[in-house]
Amino acid sequence: MVALKCINSVLSTKERKTKTWEFGVIYRRVRSRRSDSLLLVSEMSQSAKPISSPVPESLYPTLAVFMLAIGLVVTASFLIYEATSRKNRSLAKELTSGAVASVFLGFGSLFLLLASGVYV
């Protein structure tokens, strides 16, 4: 896709003919029926590949279910640990299980949204 931006009103006619442009941009004069326009044409390759997901779309529902399930299990174990241990708590274990649950629930939610057609 070629990005175009009309800059006809910015430059005078004399500047359009003599100005040297930088930053890897090609300027091309296009004549139309109504007026002359100076269009900015970005150097974007026509043969560029479209952006695609590294994960196949058919795996989105499966990943969502498994990641949400793992996240909920780790969250449940965290809550059981917090409720049952009163004297022997470990900050490292709490932070680790909280971070693991957060990552799995976050990616599970992401894949659930992608599986349902909400592309974020």
PDB file of N, CA and C in Angstrom:
ATOM      1  N   MET A   1       0.846  -1.169   0.000  1.00  0.00           N
ATOM      2  CA  MET A   1       0.000   0.000   0.000  1.00  0.00           C
ATOM      3  C   MET A   1       0.886   1.224   0.000  1.00  0.00           C
ATOM      4  N   VAL A   2       0.600   2.147  -0.860  1.00  0.00           N
ATOM      5  CA  VAL A   2       1.405   3.354  -0.982  1.00  0.00           C
ATOM      6  C   VAL A   2       0.746   4.459  -0.185  1.00  0.00           C
ATOM      7  N   ALA A   3       1.531   5.037   0.720  1.00  0.00           N
ATOM      8  CA  ALA A   3       0.996   6.114   1.543  1.00  0.00           C
ATOM      9  C   ALA A   3       1.108   7.435   0.787  1.00  0.00           C
ATOM     10  N   LEU A   4       0.025   8.169   0.697  1.00  0.00           N
ATOM     11  CA  LEU A   4       0.002   9.430  -0.031  1.00  0.00           C
ATOM     12  C   LEU A   4      -0.404  10.550   0.904  1.00  0.00           C
ATOM     13  N   LYS A   5       0.246  11.707   0.724  1.00  0.00           N
ATOM     14  CA  LYS A   5      -0.117  12.873   1.521  1.00  0.00           C
ATOM     15  C   LYS A   5      -0.001  14.092   0.621  1.00  0.00           C
ATOM     16  N   CYS A   6      -1.049  14.848   0.502  1.00  0.00           N
ATOM     17  CA  CYS A   6      -1.046  16.007  -0.360  1.00  0.00           C
ATOM     18  C   CYS A   6      -0.438  17.184   0.389  1.00  0.00           C
ATOM     19  N   ILE A   7       0.584  17.788  -0.198  1.00  0.00           N
ATOM     20  CA  ILE A   7       1.210  18.949   0.431  1.00  0.00           C
ATOM     21  C   ILE A   7       1.130  20.155  -0.494  1.00  0.00           C
ATOM     22  N   ASN A   8       0.115  20.190  -1.295  1.00  0.00           N
ATOM     23  CA  ASN A   8      -0.061  21.247  -2.286  1.00  0.00           C
ATOM     24  C   ASN A   8      -0.129  22.626  -1.640  1.00  0.00           C
ATOM     25  N   SER A   9      -0.791  22.740  -0.510  1.00  0.00           N
ATOM     26  CA  SER A   9      -0.989  24.048   0.100  1.00  0.00           C
ATOM     27  C   SER A   9       0.219  24.519   0.892  1.00  0.00           C
ATOM     28  N   VAL A  10       1.187  23.653   1.170  1.00  0.00           N
ATOM     29  CA  VAL A  10       2.319  24.018   2.007  1.00  0.00           C
ATOM     30  C   VAL A  10       3.386  24.784   1.226  1.00  0.00           C
ATOM     31  N   LEU A  11       3.648  24.395   0.007  1.00  0.00           N
ATOM     32  CA  LEU A  11       4.730  24.982  -0.769  1.00  0.00           C
ATOM     33  C   LEU A  11       4.194  25.833  -1.916  1.00  0.00           C
ATOM     34  N   SER A  12       4.956  26.848  -2.255  1.00  0.00           N
ATOM     35  CA  SER A  12       4.592  27.643  -3.432  1.00  0.00           C
ATOM     36  C   SER A  12       5.000  26.873  -4.683  1.00  0.00           C
ATOM     37  N   THR A  13       4.564  27.343  -5.848  1.00  0.00           N
ATOM     38  CA  THR A  13       4.855  26.656  -7.101  1.00  0.00           C
ATOM     39  C   THR A  13       6.347  26.625  -7.379  1.00  0.00           C
ATOM     40  N   LYS A  14       7.045  27.718  -7.092  1.00  0.00           N
ATOM     41  CA  LYS A  14       8.482  27.774  -7.340  1.00  0.00           C
ATOM     42  C   LYS A  14       9.225  26.798  -6.435  1.00  0.00           C
ATOM     43  N   GLU A  15       8.807  26.704  -5.159  1.00  0.00           N
ATOM     44  CA  GLU A  15       9.451  25.769  -4.240  1.00  0.00           C
ATOM     45  C   GLU A  15       9.219  24.325  -4.656  1.00  0.00           C
ATOM     46  N   ARG A  16       8.053  24.045  -5.205  1.00  0.00           N
ATOM     47  CA  ARG A  16       7.755  22.683  -5.640  1.00  0.00           C
ATOM     48  C   ARG A  16       8.709  22.221  -6.729  1.00  0.00           C
ATOM     49  N   LYS A  17       9.095  23.149  -7.606  1.00  0.00           N
ATOM     50  CA  LYS A  17       9.950  22.773  -8.723  1.00  0.00           C
ATOM     51  C   LYS A  17      11.414  22.655  -8.316  1.00  0.00           C
ATOM     52  N   THR A  18      11.855  23.430  -7.309  1.00  0.00           N
ATOM     53  CA  THR A  18      13.274  23.493  -7.013  1.00  0.00           C
ATOM     54  C   THR A  18      13.690  22.786  -5.729  1.00  0.00           C
ATOM     55  N   LYS A  19      12.772  22.479  -4.857  1.00  0.00           N
ATOM     56  CA  LYS A  19      13.119  21.929  -3.547  1.00  0.00           C
ATOM     57  C   LYS A  19      13.689  20.519  -3.667  1.00  0.00           C
ATOM     58  N   THR A  20      14.777  20.267  -2.948  1.00  0.00           N
ATOM     59  CA  THR A  20      15.365  18.938  -2.877  1.00  0.00           C
ATOM     60  C   THR A  20      14.870  18.278  -1.610  1.00  0.00           C
ATOM     61  N   TRP A  21      14.383  17.059  -1.738  1.00  0.00           N
ATOM     62  CA  TRP A  21      13.759  16.370  -0.611  1.00  0.00           C
ATOM     63  C   TRP A  21      14.687  15.316  -0.054  1.00  0.00           C
ATOM     64  N   GLU A  22      14.580  15.079   1.251  1.00  0.00           N
ATOM     65  CA  GLU A  22      15.428  14.105   1.933  1.00  0.00           C
ATOM     66  C   GLU A  22      14.565  13.057   2.626  1.00  0.00           C
ATOM     67  N   PHE A  23      15.195  12.302   3.476  1.00  0.00           N
ATOM     68  CA  PHE A  23      14.550  11.303   4.340  1.00  0.00           C
ATOM     69  C   PHE A  23      13.922  10.158   3.556  1.00  0.00           C
ATOM     70  N   GLY A  24      14.496   9.764   2.440  1.00  0.00           N
ATOM     71  CA  GLY A  24      14.029   8.578   1.734  1.00  0.00           C
ATOM     72  C   GLY A  24      12.628   8.671   1.191  1.00  0.00           C
ATOM     73  N   VAL A  25      12.208   9.821   0.753  1.00  0.00           N
ATOM     74  CA  VAL A  25      10.841  10.010   0.271  1.00  0.00           C
ATOM     75  C   VAL A  25      10.897  10.483  -1.172  1.00  0.00           C
ATOM     76  N   ILE A  26      10.019   9.963  -1.973  1.00  0.00           N
ATOM     77  CA  ILE A  26       9.935  10.342  -3.382  1.00  0.00           C
ATOM     78  C   ILE A  26       8.735  11.249  -3.549  1.00  0.00           C
ATOM     79  N   TYR A  27       8.934  12.353  -4.230  1.00  0.00           N
ATOM     80  CA  TYR A  27       7.817  13.239  -4.538  1.00  0.00           C
ATOM     81  C   TYR A  27       7.521  13.133  -6.023  1.00  0.00           C
ATOM     82  N   ARG A  28       6.301  13.062  -6.326  1.00  0.00           N
ATOM     83  CA  ARG A  28       5.901  12.872  -7.709  1.00  0.00           C
ATOM     84  C   ARG A  28       4.765  13.833  -8.025  1.00  0.00           C
ATOM     85  N   ARG A  29       4.851  14.490  -9.177  1.00  0.00           N
ATOM     86  CA  ARG A  29       3.802  15.397  -9.585  1.00  0.00           C
ATOM     87  C   ARG A  29       2.721  14.604 -10.324  1.00  0.00           C
ATOM     88  N   VAL A  30       1.527  14.787  -9.896  1.00  0.00           N
ATOM     89  CA  VAL A  30       0.397  14.108 -10.509  1.00  0.00           C
ATOM     90  C   VAL A  30      -0.556  15.166 -11.032  1.00  0.00           C
ATOM     91  N   ARG A  31      -0.861  15.110 -12.284  1.00  0.00           N
ATOM     92  CA  ARG A  31      -1.786  16.074 -12.872  1.00  0.00           C
ATOM     93  C   ARG A  31      -3.199  15.498 -12.851  1.00  0.00           C
ATOM     94  N   SER A  32      -4.086  16.252 -12.329  1.00  0.00           N
ATOM     95  CA  SER A  32      -5.484  15.845 -12.337  1.00  0.00           C
ATOM     96  C   SER A  32      -6.268  16.858 -13.157  1.00  0.00           C
ATOM     97  N   ARG A  33      -7.549  16.617 -13.340  1.00  0.00           N
ATOM     98  CA  ARG A  33      -8.377  17.505 -14.143  1.00  0.00           C
ATOM     99  C   ARG A  33      -8.565  18.856 -13.471  1.00  0.00           C
ATOM    100  N   ARG A  34      -8.634  18.886 -12.155  1.00  0.00           N
ATOM    101  CA  ARG A  34      -8.945  20.129 -11.458  1.00  0.00           C
ATOM    102  C   ARG A  34      -7.705  20.938 -11.103  1.00  0.00           C
ATOM    103  N   SER A  35      -6.644  20.276 -10.612  1.00  0.00           N
ATOM    104  CA  SER A  35      -5.467  21.031 -10.182  1.00  0.00           C
ATOM    105  C   SER A  35      -4.236  20.140 -10.209  1.00  0.00           C
ATOM    106  N   ASP A  36      -3.086  20.806 -10.119  1.00  0.00           N
ATOM    107  CA  ASP A  36      -1.841  20.067  -9.969  1.00  0.00           C
ATOM    108  C   ASP A  36      -1.639  19.779  -8.489  1.00  0.00           C
ATOM    109  N   SER A  37      -1.273  18.574  -8.200  1.00  0.00           N
ATOM    110  CA  SER A  37      -1.028  18.200  -6.806  1.00  0.00           C
ATOM    111  C   SER A  37       0.366  17.626  -6.704  1.00  0.00           C
ATOM    112  N   LEU A  38       0.993  17.903  -5.609  1.00  0.00           N
ATOM    113  CA  LEU A  38       2.275  17.291  -5.317  1.00  0.00           C
ATOM    114  C   LEU A  38       2.013  16.255  -4.238  1.00  0.00           C
ATOM    115  N   LEU A  39       2.191  15.004  -4.591  1.00  0.00           N
ATOM    116  CA  LEU A  39       1.849  13.920  -3.680  1.00  0.00           C
ATOM    117  C   LEU A  39       3.113  13.289  -3.118  1.00  0.00           C
ATOM    118  N   LEU A  40       3.060  13.021  -1.867  1.00  0.00           N
ATOM    119  CA  LEU A  40       4.154  12.356  -1.176  1.00  0.00           C
ATOM    120  C   LEU A  40       3.957  10.852  -1.295  1.00  0.00           C
ATOM    121  N   VAL A  41       4.928  10.202  -1.900  1.00  0.00           N
ATOM    122  CA  VAL A  41       4.834   8.757  -2.093  1.00  0.00           C
ATOM    123  C   VAL A  41       5.912   8.105  -1.250  1.00  0.00           C
ATOM    124  N   SER A  42       5.514   7.366  -0.273  1.00  0.00           N
ATOM    125  CA  SER A  42       6.462   6.703   0.613  1.00  0.00           C
ATOM    126  C   SER A  42       7.096   5.533  -0.112  1.00  0.00           C
ATOM    127  N   GLU A  43       8.366   5.273   0.211  1.00  0.00           N
ATOM    128  CA  GLU A  43       9.067   4.154  -0.419  1.00  0.00           C
ATOM    129  C   GLU A  43       8.726   2.863   0.301  1.00  0.00           C
ATOM    130  N   MET A  44       7.531   2.405   0.106  1.00  0.00           N
ATOM    131  CA  MET A  44       7.104   1.159   0.720  1.00  0.00           C
ATOM    132  C   MET A  44       7.090   0.081  -0.365  1.00  0.00           C
ATOM    133  N   SER A  45       7.697  -1.005  -0.082  1.00  0.00           N
ATOM    134  CA  SER A  45       7.814  -2.066  -1.066  1.00  0.00           C
ATOM    135  C   SER A  45       6.438  -2.639  -1.394  1.00  0.00           C
ATOM    136  N   GLN A  46       6.193  -2.822  -2.676  1.00  0.00           N
ATOM    137  CA  GLN A  46       4.929  -3.410  -3.115  1.00  0.00           C
ATOM    138  C   GLN A  46       4.906  -4.915  -2.859  1.00  0.00           C
ATOM    139  N   SER A  47       6.085  -5.509  -2.705  1.00  0.00           N
ATOM    140  CA  SER A  47       6.139  -6.954  -2.504  1.00  0.00           C
ATOM    141  C   SER A  47       6.267  -7.324  -1.027  1.00  0.00           C
ATOM    142  N   ALA A  48       5.931  -6.416  -0.124  1.00  0.00           N
ATOM    143  CA  ALA A  48       6.033  -6.699   1.305  1.00  0.00           C
ATOM    144  C   ALA A  48       4.985  -7.718   1.733  1.00  0.00           C
ATOM    145  N   LYS A  49       5.374  -8.584   2.658  1.00  0.00           N
ATOM    146  CA  LYS A  49       4.442  -9.592   3.168  1.00  0.00           C
ATOM    147  C   LYS A  49       3.485  -8.938   4.156  1.00  0.00           C
ATOM    148  N   PRO A  50       2.235  -9.349   4.179  1.00  0.00           N
ATOM    149  CA  PRO A  50       1.316  -8.830   5.201  1.00  0.00           C
ATOM    150  C   PRO A  50       1.703  -9.361   6.577  1.00  0.00           C
ATOM    151  N   ILE A  51       1.386  -8.588   7.592  1.00  0.00           N
ATOM    152  CA  ILE A  51       1.698  -9.004   8.954  1.00  0.00           C
ATOM    153  C   ILE A  51       0.761 -10.142   9.347  1.00  0.00           C
ATOM    154  N   SER A  52       1.339 -11.193   9.857  1.00  0.00           N
ATOM    155  CA  SER A  52       0.518 -12.331  10.265  1.00  0.00           C
ATOM    156  C   SER A  52       0.972 -12.804  11.644  1.00  0.00           C
ATOM    157  N   SER A  53       0.118 -13.541  12.293  1.00  0.00           N
ATOM    158  CA  SER A  53       0.382 -14.029  13.632  1.00  0.00           C
ATOM    159  C   SER A  53       1.380 -15.179  13.591  1.00  0.00           C
ATOM    160  N   PRO A  54       2.295 -15.255  14.560  1.00  0.00           N
ATOM    161  CA  PRO A  54       3.195 -16.409  14.617  1.00  0.00           C
ATOM    162  C   PRO A  54       2.480 -17.673  15.093  1.00  0.00           C
ATOM    163  N   VAL A  55       1.296 -17.506  15.661  1.00  0.00           N
ATOM    164  CA  VAL A  55       0.493 -18.643  16.131  1.00  0.00           C
ATOM    165  C   VAL A  55      -0.666 -18.827  15.156  1.00  0.00           C
ATOM    166  N   PRO A  56      -0.884 -20.025  14.636  1.00  0.00           N
ATOM    167  CA  PRO A  56      -2.010 -20.238  13.714  1.00  0.00           C
ATOM    168  C   PRO A  56      -3.348 -19.936  14.394  1.00  0.00           C
ATOM    169  N   GLU A  57      -4.265 -19.372  13.639  1.00  0.00           N
ATOM    170  CA  GLU A  57      -5.568 -18.989  14.195  1.00  0.00           C
ATOM    171  C   GLU A  57      -6.377 -20.194  14.681  1.00  0.00           C
ATOM    172  N   SER A  58      -6.109 -21.350  14.154  1.00  0.00           N
ATOM    173  CA  SER A  58      -6.846 -22.537  14.587  1.00  0.00           C
ATOM    174  C   SER A  58      -6.482 -22.955  16.014  1.00  0.00           C
ATOM    175  N   LEU A  59      -5.348 -22.481  16.519  1.00  0.00           N
ATOM    176  CA  LEU A  59      -4.927 -22.836  17.880  1.00  0.00           C
ATOM    177  C   LEU A  59      -5.412 -21.851  18.935  1.00  0.00           C
ATOM    178  N   TYR A  60      -6.028 -20.740  18.553  1.00  0.00           N
ATOM    179  CA  TYR A  60      -6.468 -19.735  19.521  1.00  0.00           C
ATOM    180  C   TYR A  60      -7.426 -20.305  20.574  1.00  0.00           C
ATOM    181  N   PRO A  61      -8.478 -21.037  20.205  1.00  0.00           N
ATOM    182  CA  PRO A  61      -9.381 -21.549  21.243  1.00  0.00           C
ATOM    183  C   PRO A  61      -8.707 -22.543  22.184  1.00  0.00           C
ATOM    184  N   THR A  62      -7.856 -23.412  21.649  1.00  0.00           N
ATOM    185  CA  THR A  62      -7.159 -24.399  22.472  1.00  0.00           C
ATOM    186  C   THR A  62      -6.219 -23.719  23.455  1.00  0.00           C
ATOM    187  N   LEU A  63      -5.442 -22.751  22.953  1.00  0.00           N
ATOM    188  CA  LEU A  63      -4.534 -22.021  23.832  1.00  0.00           C
ATOM    189  C   LEU A  63      -5.297 -21.256  24.902  1.00  0.00           C
ATOM    190  N   ALA A  64      -6.430 -20.670  24.534  1.00  0.00           N
ATOM    191  CA  ALA A  64      -7.223 -19.927  25.508  1.00  0.00           C
ATOM    192  C   ALA A  64      -7.695 -20.830  26.632  1.00  0.00           C
ATOM    193  N   VAL A  65      -8.223 -21.997  26.295  1.00  0.00           N
ATOM    194  CA  VAL A  65      -8.741 -22.912  27.314  1.00  0.00           C
ATOM    195  C   VAL A  65      -7.621 -23.394  28.230  1.00  0.00           C
ATOM    196  N   PHE A  66      -6.505 -23.845  27.652  1.00  0.00           N
ATOM    197  CA  PHE A  66      -5.426 -24.374  28.475  1.00  0.00           C
ATOM    198  C   PHE A  66      -4.769 -23.298  29.331  1.00  0.00           C
ATOM    199  N   MET A  67      -4.533 -22.135  28.771  1.00  0.00           N
ATOM    200  CA  MET A  67      -3.884 -21.082  29.557  1.00  0.00           C
ATOM    201  C   MET A  67      -4.798 -20.563  30.665  1.00  0.00           C
ATOM    202  N   LEU A  68      -6.081 -20.425  30.379  1.00  0.00           N
ATOM    203  CA  LEU A  68      -7.006 -20.006  31.437  1.00  0.00           C
ATOM    204  C   LEU A  68      -7.127 -21.073  32.521  1.00  0.00           C
ATOM    205  N   ALA A  69      -7.127 -22.337  32.126  1.00  0.00           N
ATOM    206  CA  ALA A  69      -7.213 -23.417  33.112  1.00  0.00           C
ATOM    207  C   ALA A  69      -5.975 -23.437  34.004  1.00  0.00           C
ATOM    208  N   ILE A  70      -4.799 -23.330  33.408  1.00  0.00           N
ATOM    209  CA  ILE A  70      -3.566 -23.313  34.198  1.00  0.00           C
ATOM    210  C   ILE A  70      -3.537 -22.090  35.108  1.00  0.00           C
ATOM    211  N   GLY A  71      -3.938 -20.944  34.589  1.00  0.00           N
ATOM    212  CA  GLY A  71      -3.975 -19.731  35.396  1.00  0.00           C
ATOM    213  C   GLY A  71      -4.927 -19.841  36.574  1.00  0.00           C
ATOM    214  N   LEU A  72      -6.079 -20.440  36.350  1.00  0.00           N
ATOM    215  CA  LEU A  72      -7.039 -20.610  37.445  1.00  0.00           C
ATOM    216  C   LEU A  72      -6.549 -21.614  38.491  1.00  0.00           C
ATOM    217  N   VAL A  73      -5.870 -22.669  38.054  1.00  0.00           N
ATOM    218  CA  VAL A  73      -5.314 -23.641  39.002  1.00  0.00           C
ATOM    219  C   VAL A  73      -4.232 -22.989  39.857  1.00  0.00           C
ATOM    220  N   VAL A  74      -3.348 -22.229  39.244  1.00  0.00           N
ATOM    221  CA  VAL A  74      -2.285 -21.558  40.001  1.00  0.00           C
ATOM    222  C   VAL A  74      -2.890 -20.504  40.933  1.00  0.00           C
ATOM    223  N   THR A  75      -3.923 -19.812  40.480  1.00  0.00           N
ATOM    224  CA  THR A  75      -4.605 -18.840  41.341  1.00  0.00           C
ATOM    225  C   THR A  75      -5.257 -19.534  42.534  1.00  0.00           C
ATOM    226  N   ALA A  76      -5.877 -20.682  42.300  1.00  0.00           N
ATOM    227  CA  ALA A  76      -6.502 -21.435  43.390  1.00  0.00           C
ATOM    228  C   ALA A  76      -5.458 -21.903  44.388  1.00  0.00           C
ATOM    229  N   SER A  77      -4.317 -22.379  43.891  1.00  0.00           N
ATOM    230  CA  SER A  77      -3.262 -22.821  44.813  1.00  0.00           C
ATOM    231  C   SER A  77      -2.701 -21.642  45.604  1.00  0.00           C
ATOM    232  N   PHE A  78      -2.611 -20.480  44.980  1.00  0.00           N
ATOM    233  CA  PHE A  78      -2.167 -19.281  45.684  1.00  0.00           C
ATOM    234  C   PHE A  78      -3.146 -18.913  46.802  1.00  0.00           C
ATOM    235  N   LEU A  79      -4.428 -18.952  46.502  1.00  0.00           N
ATOM    236  CA  LEU A  79      -5.430 -18.610  47.514  1.00  0.00           C
ATOM    237  C   LEU A  79      -5.454 -19.625  48.648  1.00  0.00           C
ATOM    238  N   ILE A  80      -5.287 -20.906  48.342  1.00  0.00           N
ATOM    239  CA  ILE A  80      -5.241 -21.931  49.378  1.00  0.00           C
ATOM    240  C   ILE A  80      -4.004 -21.741  50.256  1.00  0.00           C
ATOM    241  N   TYR A  81      -2.876 -21.420  49.611  1.00  0.00           N
ATOM    242  CA  TYR A  81      -1.641 -21.171  50.359  1.00  0.00           C
ATOM    243  C   TYR A  81      -1.813 -19.986  51.299  1.00  0.00           C
ATOM    244  N   GLU A  82      -2.430 -18.925  50.841  1.00  0.00           N
ATOM    245  CA  GLU A  82      -2.632 -17.730  51.669  1.00  0.00           C
ATOM    246  C   GLU A  82      -3.610 -18.000  52.812  1.00  0.00           C
ATOM    247  N   ALA A  83      -4.606 -18.811  52.570  1.00  0.00           N
ATOM    248  CA  ALA A  83      -5.621 -19.060  53.595  1.00  0.00           C
ATOM    249  C   ALA A  83      -5.158 -20.047  54.655  1.00  0.00           C
ATOM    250  N   THR A  84      -4.309 -21.002  54.283  1.00  0.00           N
ATOM    251  CA  THR A  84      -3.943 -22.057  55.226  1.00  0.00           C
ATOM    252  C   THR A  84      -2.641 -21.786  55.961  1.00  0.00           C
ATOM    253  N   SER A  85      -1.689 -21.138  55.375  1.00  0.00           N
ATOM    254  CA  SER A  85      -0.416 -20.918  56.067  1.00  0.00           C
ATOM    255  C   SER A  85      -0.451 -19.568  56.773  1.00  0.00           C
ATOM    256  N   ARG A  86      -0.323 -19.631  58.083  1.00  0.00           N
ATOM    257  CA  ARG A  86      -0.395 -18.390  58.860  1.00  0.00           C
ATOM    258  C   ARG A  86       0.979 -17.937  59.332  1.00  0.00           C
ATOM    259  N   LYS A  87       1.845 -18.868  59.677  1.00  0.00           N
ATOM    260  CA  LYS A  87       3.137 -18.494  60.236  1.00  0.00           C
ATOM    261  C   LYS A  87       4.281 -18.650  59.233  1.00  0.00           C
ATOM    262  N   ASN A  88       4.210 -19.642  58.380  1.00  0.00           N
ATOM    263  CA  ASN A  88       5.336 -19.957  57.501  1.00  0.00           C
ATOM    264  C   ASN A  88       5.080 -19.482  56.073  1.00  0.00           C
ATOM    265  N   ARG A  89       4.953 -18.207  55.891  1.00  0.00           N
ATOM    266  CA  ARG A  89       4.753 -17.674  54.539  1.00  0.00           C
ATOM    267  C   ARG A  89       6.086 -17.283  53.928  1.00  0.00           C
ATOM    268  N   SER A  90       6.190 -17.490  52.636  1.00  0.00           N
ATOM    269  CA  SER A  90       7.402 -17.129  51.912  1.00  0.00           C
ATOM    270  C   SER A  90       7.044 -16.088  50.847  1.00  0.00           C
ATOM    271  N   LEU A  91       7.735 -14.954  50.912  1.00  0.00           N
ATOM    272  CA  LEU A  91       7.466 -13.886  49.945  1.00  0.00           C
ATOM    273  C   LEU A  91       7.806 -14.327  48.529  1.00  0.00           C
ATOM    274  N   ALA A  92       8.890 -15.083  48.376  1.00  0.00           N
ATOM    275  CA  ALA A  92       9.296 -15.556  47.050  1.00  0.00           C
ATOM    276  C   ALA A  92       8.225 -16.467  46.439  1.00  0.00           C
ATOM    277  N   LYS A  93       7.655 -17.360  47.255  1.00  0.00           N
ATOM    278  CA  LYS A  93       6.615 -18.264  46.740  1.00  0.00           C
ATOM    279  C   LYS A  93       5.353 -17.484  46.371  1.00  0.00           C
ATOM    280  N   GLU A  94       5.001 -16.499  47.182  1.00  0.00           N
ATOM    281  CA  GLU A  94       3.824 -15.689  46.880  1.00  0.00           C
ATOM    282  C   GLU A  94       4.010 -14.907  45.578  1.00  0.00           C
ATOM    283  N   LEU A  95       5.168 -14.267  45.429  1.00  0.00           N
ATOM    284  CA  LEU A  95       5.425 -13.487  44.210  1.00  0.00           C
ATOM    285  C   LEU A  95       5.509 -14.374  42.973  1.00  0.00           C
ATOM    286  N   THR A  96       6.139 -15.527  43.116  1.00  0.00           N
ATOM    287  CA  THR A  96       6.273 -16.448  41.979  1.00  0.00           C
ATOM    288  C   THR A  96       4.919 -16.974  41.526  1.00  0.00           C
ATOM    289  N   SER A  97       4.134 -17.453  42.462  1.00  0.00           N
ATOM    290  CA  SER A  97       2.830 -18.005  42.066  1.00  0.00           C
ATOM    291  C   SER A  97       1.902 -16.904  41.561  1.00  0.00           C
ATOM    292  N   GLY A  98       1.981 -15.715  42.124  1.00  0.00           N
ATOM    293  CA  GLY A  98       1.171 -14.600  41.624  1.00  0.00           C
ATOM    294  C   GLY A  98       1.561 -14.186  40.214  1.00  0.00           C
ATOM    295  N   ALA A  99       2.880 -14.151  39.947  1.00  0.00           N
ATOM    296  CA  ALA A  99       3.348 -13.777  38.606  1.00  0.00           C
ATOM    297  C   ALA A  99       2.974 -14.838  37.571  1.00  0.00           C
ATOM    298  N   VAL A 100       3.129 -16.113  37.931  1.00  0.00           N
ATOM    299  CA  VAL A 100       2.780 -17.195  36.994  1.00  0.00           C
ATOM    300  C   VAL A 100       1.287 -17.177  36.691  1.00  0.00           C
ATOM    301  N   ALA A 101       0.468 -17.011  37.727  1.00  0.00           N
ATOM    302  CA  ALA A 101      -0.983 -16.946  37.517  1.00  0.00           C
ATOM    303  C   ALA A 101      -1.352 -15.748  36.656  1.00  0.00           C
ATOM    304  N   SER A 102      -0.710 -14.616  36.905  1.00  0.00           N
ATOM    305  CA  SER A 102      -1.001 -13.413  36.129  1.00  0.00           C
ATOM    306  C   SER A 102      -0.650 -13.578  34.651  1.00  0.00           C
ATOM    307  N   VAL A 103       0.510 -14.178  34.381  1.00  0.00           N
ATOM    308  CA  VAL A 103       0.923 -14.383  32.984  1.00  0.00           C
ATOM    309  C   VAL A 103      -0.029 -15.333  32.271  1.00  0.00           C
ATOM    310  N   PHE A 104      -0.360 -16.450  32.910  1.00  0.00           N
ATOM    311  CA  PHE A 104      -1.254 -17.419  32.257  1.00  0.00           C
ATOM    312  C   PHE A 104      -2.666 -16.853  32.067  1.00  0.00           C
ATOM    313  N   LEU A 105      -3.182 -16.142  33.053  1.00  0.00           N
ATOM    314  CA  LEU A 105      -4.517 -15.553  32.901  1.00  0.00           C
ATOM    315  C   LEU A 105      -4.514 -14.428  31.863  1.00  0.00           C
ATOM    316  N   GLY A 106      -3.429 -13.671  31.797  1.00  0.00           N
ATOM    317  CA  GLY A 106      -3.341 -12.605  30.805  1.00  0.00           C
ATOM    318  C   GLY A 106      -3.303 -13.131  29.378  1.00  0.00           C
ATOM    319  N   PHE A 107      -2.420 -14.106  29.128  1.00  0.00           N
ATOM    320  CA  PHE A 107      -2.345 -14.673  27.777  1.00  0.00           C
ATOM    321  C   PHE A 107      -3.589 -15.499  27.450  1.00  0.00           C
ATOM    322  N   GLY A 108      -4.157 -16.146  28.456  1.00  0.00           N
ATOM    323  CA  GLY A 108      -5.408 -16.874  28.221  1.00  0.00           C
ATOM    324  C   GLY A 108      -6.529 -15.938  27.815  1.00  0.00           C
ATOM    325  N   SER A 109      -6.604 -14.787  28.470  1.00  0.00           N
ATOM    326  CA  SER A 109      -7.619 -13.789  28.102  1.00  0.00           C
ATOM    327  C   SER A 109      -7.365 -13.240  26.700  1.00  0.00           C
ATOM    328  N   LEU A 110      -6.095 -13.014  26.383  1.00  0.00           N
ATOM    329  CA  LEU A 110      -5.750 -12.531  25.038  1.00  0.00           C
ATOM    330  C   LEU A 110      -6.201 -13.517  23.977  1.00  0.00           C
ATOM    331  N   PHE A 111      -5.876 -14.795  24.147  1.00  0.00           N
ATOM    332  CA  PHE A 111      -6.267 -15.796  23.149  1.00  0.00           C
ATOM    333  C   PHE A 111      -7.776 -16.029  23.134  1.00  0.00           C
ATOM    334  N   LEU A 112      -8.445 -15.836  24.256  1.00  0.00           N
ATOM    335  CA  LEU A 112      -9.904 -15.931  24.260  1.00  0.00           C
ATOM    336  C   LEU A 112     -10.521 -14.807  23.425  1.00  0.00           C
ATOM    337  N   LEU A 113      -9.973 -13.588  23.568  1.00  0.00           N
ATOM    338  CA  LEU A 113     -10.467 -12.478  22.748  1.00  0.00           C
ATOM    339  C   LEU A 113     -10.177 -12.713  21.266  1.00  0.00           C
ATOM    340  N   LEU A 114      -8.968 -13.193  20.949  1.00  0.00           N
ATOM    341  CA  LEU A 114      -8.635 -13.473  19.557  1.00  0.00           C
ATOM    342  C   LEU A 114      -9.493 -14.583  18.971  1.00  0.00           C
ATOM    343  N   ALA A 115      -9.793 -15.594  19.764  1.00  0.00           N
ATOM    344  CA  ALA A 115     -10.629 -16.706  19.286  1.00  0.00           C
ATOM    345  C   ALA A 115     -12.051 -16.256  19.027  1.00  0.00           C
ATOM    346  N   SER A 116     -12.517 -15.276  19.792  1.00  0.00           N
ATOM    347  CA  SER A 116     -13.887 -14.818  19.602  1.00  0.00           C
ATOM    348  C   SER A 116     -14.011 -13.716  18.550  1.00  0.00           C
ATOM    349  N   GLY A 117     -12.887 -13.325  17.958  1.00  0.00           N
ATOM    350  CA  GLY A 117     -12.937 -12.358  16.854  1.00  0.00           C
ATOM    351  C   GLY A 117     -12.661 -10.925  17.257  1.00  0.00           C
ATOM    352  N   VAL A 118     -12.271 -10.677  18.492  1.00  0.00           N
ATOM    353  CA  VAL A 118     -11.896  -9.329  18.921  1.00  0.00           C
ATOM    354  C   VAL A 118     -10.390  -9.246  18.789  1.00  0.00           C
ATOM    355  N   TYR A 119      -9.918  -8.600  17.734  1.00  0.00           N
ATOM    356  CA  TYR A 119      -8.485  -8.540  17.454  1.00  0.00           C
ATOM    357  C   TYR A 119      -7.889  -7.319  18.135  1.00  0.00           C
ATOM    358  N   VAL A 120      -7.129  -7.581  19.198  1.00  0.00           N
ATOM    359  CA  VAL A 120      -6.515  -6.513  19.981  1.00  0.00           C
ATOM    360  C   VAL A 120      -5.049  -6.390  19.689  1.00  0.00           C
TER     361      VAL A 120
END
